[in-house]
Structure formats: C-alpha cells, structure tokens
C-alpha cells in the first residue's frame, strides 16, 4: 500500500481538484497526497499548514513537473482527521464575493475561509483585520 496518491490533473479548476484530493485523502486516511501545482493551490496548502489543519506542504519535483506534497494531520490511534469539512464556495460558474463586514466566521472562529484579494490569498480573520473584502474561495473546518 502506497502513502502517496498521484492525481492526473485534467480539470480546469485546480482549486476544486486540490480540495477534492484533500477531502478524499482525508476520508481514506492517507498520510501524503499530491495536489496540482499552481500559485493558488500552493498558497491554500501553506495557509492550511499555518492554521494547523495539515502537517506540512512541501514542493516536490517529479518527471519535469512540480507538485506540492501535502502531509495530512490526524488525531490519536484511530487517525481521526483534523479536517472535518473542506468546501469550495466560489466556483468558476458562480463567483461569491463578500465585503469585509460580511465575511462569515466559520464555526465561531474554529475554521477558516480563504479569500483571494488584491493583497494575496488570506484567511477570513486577516481580511476582517485589514478591512479587505473579496471572493470567498473555500471553507475549511
């Protein structure tokens, strides 16, 4: 049994592909997965690691391509996942925007919403603190 899942990225929406890969690996209790290498997905993995939802996100070069290797985080012997829900909010067919006053708090601050803004990809807390609105890409809790 291997601990790394290779994905063949034919989807046009790399963020949805990365979030689905994390969700599926979490369900299967995988230790490490590879997600599509874009600036957005790499930053989402980095923010998730900073917030403590995943163990780490390290860039890996293989067969001429670069992929972030994401190490998932689990609790206890039964390997209960830290991430309960990963949900894509704003999609290519339906964009969802929010003012900094209307950005939702996820589980009273226990989860995060990730927003791409003019200042880069930031969490909901940081967007409220900087008073920056924007698109709501995904929620993780």
Protein backbone atom coordinates (compact mmCIF):
# COMPACT_ATOMS: atom_id res chain seq x y z
CA UNK A 1 0.00 0.00 0.00
CA UNK A 2 1.41 3.37 -1.00
CA UNK A 3 1.03 6.52 1.04
CA UNK A 4 1.17 8.94 -1.88
CA UNK A 5 -1.74 9.46 -4.23
CA UNK A 6 -0.95 10.62 -7.77
CA UNK A 7 -3.65 12.63 -9.48
CA UNK A 8 -3.94 13.21 -13.17
CA UNK A 9 -4.95 16.82 -13.37
CA UNK A 10 -7.21 17.25 -16.37
CA UNK A 11 -9.69 19.53 -14.63
CA UNK A 12 -9.75 23.24 -15.49
CA UNK A 13 -10.40 24.22 -11.87
CA UNK A 14 -7.19 23.42 -9.97
CA UNK A 15 -8.57 24.68 -6.65
CA UNK A 16 -11.53 22.28 -6.75
CA UNK A 17 -9.21 19.44 -7.76
CA UNK A 18 -6.87 20.19 -4.85
CA UNK A 19 -9.71 20.47 -2.32
CA UNK A 20 -11.27 17.23 -3.60
CA UNK A 21 -7.90 15.48 -3.34
CA UNK A 22 -7.55 16.62 0.29
CA UNK A 23 -11.15 15.60 1.10
CA UNK A 24 -10.76 12.15 -0.49
CA UNK A 25 -7.36 11.51 1.12
CA UNK A 26 -8.79 12.55 4.48
CA UNK A 27 -11.62 10.04 4.07
CA UNK A 28 -9.16 7.27 3.12
CA UNK A 29 -6.76 8.29 5.94
CA UNK A 30 -3.83 8.81 3.56
CA UNK A 31 -0.61 10.20 5.02
CA UNK A 32 0.56 12.22 1.99
CA UNK A 33 -1.02 13.41 -1.24
CA UNK A 34 -0.01 15.47 -4.26
CA UNK A 35 -2.11 18.37 -5.44
CA UNK A 36 -1.93 20.42 -8.65
CA UNK A 37 0.90 22.96 -8.69
CA UNK A 38 -0.48 26.46 -9.07
CA UNK A 39 0.24 29.54 -7.01
CA UNK A 40 -3.27 29.41 -5.56
CA UNK A 41 -3.20 25.75 -4.53
CA UNK A 42 0.30 26.09 -3.07
CA UNK A 43 -0.84 29.10 -1.01
CA UNK A 44 -4.02 27.29 0.13
CA UNK A 45 -1.82 24.40 1.32
CA UNK A 46 0.54 26.86 3.05
CA UNK A 47 -2.34 28.65 4.82
CA UNK A 48 -3.81 25.28 5.90
CA UNK A 49 -0.44 24.31 7.36
CA UNK A 50 -0.09 27.67 9.15
CA UNK A 51 -3.57 27.30 10.63
CA UNK A 52 -2.82 23.73 11.77
CA UNK A 53 -5.22 21.80 9.54
CA UNK A 54 -2.45 19.90 7.74
CA UNK A 55 1.00 18.79 8.85
CA UNK A 56 3.04 20.37 6.05
CA UNK A 57 3.11 21.29 2.37
CA UNK A 58 6.44 20.70 0.61
CA UNK A 59 7.11 21.25 -3.09
CA UNK A 60 8.23 18.10 -4.90
CA UNK A 61 9.67 17.91 -8.41
CA UNK A 62 8.96 14.74 -10.34
CA UNK A 63 9.00 13.90 -14.06
CA UNK A 64 9.66 17.52 -15.03
CA UNK A 65 6.68 18.88 -13.08
CA UNK A 66 6.40 20.44 -9.65
CA UNK A 67 3.74 19.30 -7.17
CA UNK A 68 3.05 20.33 -3.58
CA UNK A 69 3.17 17.21 -1.37
CA UNK A 70 0.62 17.71 1.41
CA UNK A 71 1.04 15.74 4.65
CA UNK A 72 -2.31 15.39 6.38
CA UNK A 73 -2.78 15.59 10.13
CA UNK A 74 -4.67 13.05 12.26
CA UNK A 75 -5.60 12.61 15.94
CA UNK A 76 -4.96 9.52 18.03
CA UNK A 77 -4.62 5.86 17.16
CA UNK A 78 -7.84 5.77 15.14
CA UNK A 79 -6.44 8.50 12.90
CA UNK A 80 -9.34 10.91 13.24
CA UNK A 81 -8.75 13.73 10.75
CA UNK A 82 -8.16 17.33 11.83
CA UNK A 83 -10.13 18.49 8.80
CA UNK A 84 -13.84 17.74 9.10
CA UNK A 85 -15.10 19.66 6.05
CA UNK A 86 -13.41 21.18 3.00
CA UNK A 87 -15.90 23.09 0.89
CA UNK A 88 -15.48 25.12 -2.31
CA UNK A 89 -17.62 28.25 -2.13
CA UNK A 90 -16.83 30.41 -5.16
CA UNK A 91 -16.81 28.38 -8.38
CA UNK A 92 -15.91 29.31 -11.96
CA UNK A 93 -19.61 29.36 -12.89
CA UNK A 94 -20.78 31.24 -9.78
CA UNK A 95 -18.41 33.64 -8.04
CA UNK A 96 -19.20 34.61 -4.45
CA UNK A 97 -17.93 37.97 -3.18
CA UNK A 98 -18.15 39.47 0.27
CA UNK A 99 -17.42 42.76 1.98
CA UNK A 100 -15.05 42.57 4.96
CA UNK A 101 -18.01 43.12 7.32
CA UNK A 102 -19.96 40.23 5.76
CA UNK A 103 -17.19 37.59 5.66
CA UNK A 104 -18.63 34.68 7.65
CA UNK A 105 -16.96 33.35 10.79
CA UNK A 106 -16.55 29.61 10.35
CA UNK A 107 -17.66 27.71 13.49
CA UNK A 108 -17.15 30.80 15.63
CA UNK A 109 -13.53 31.15 14.52
CA UNK A 110 -12.55 27.45 14.72
CA UNK A 111 -12.48 27.12 10.93
CA UNK A 112 -11.20 29.35 8.16
CA UNK A 113 -12.47 30.87 4.95
CA UNK A 114 -9.80 31.57 2.33
CA UNK A 115 -10.14 34.65 0.11
CA UNK A 116 -8.06 35.77 -2.86
CA UNK A 117 -7.69 39.54 -2.55
CA UNK A 118 -5.54 42.27 -4.05
CA UNK A 119 -3.13 41.58 -1.15
CA UNK A 120 -2.82 37.89 -1.96
CA UNK A 121 -4.60 34.84 -0.61
CA UNK A 122 -5.61 35.48 3.02
CA UNK A 123 -7.82 33.99 5.73
CA UNK A 124 -11.13 35.43 6.90
CA UNK A 125 -9.59 36.74 10.14
CA UNK A 126 -6.84 38.56 8.26
CA UNK A 127 -9.35 40.01 5.76
CA UNK A 128 -11.52 41.37 8.57
CA UNK A 129 -8.46 42.79 10.36
CA UNK A 130 -7.17 44.52 7.19
CA UNK A 131 -10.74 45.52 6.20
CA UNK A 132 -10.43 43.87 2.79
CA UNK A 133 -13.34 42.21 1.04
CA UNK A 134 -13.17 39.88 -1.91
CA UNK A 135 -14.06 36.49 -3.27
CA UNK A 136 -14.62 33.62 -0.82
CA UNK A 137 -12.79 30.63 -2.36
CA UNK A 138 -13.27 27.89 0.21
CA UNK A 139 -14.01 26.97 3.81
CA UNK A 140 -12.03 24.55 5.95
CA UNK A 141 -13.01 23.31 9.41
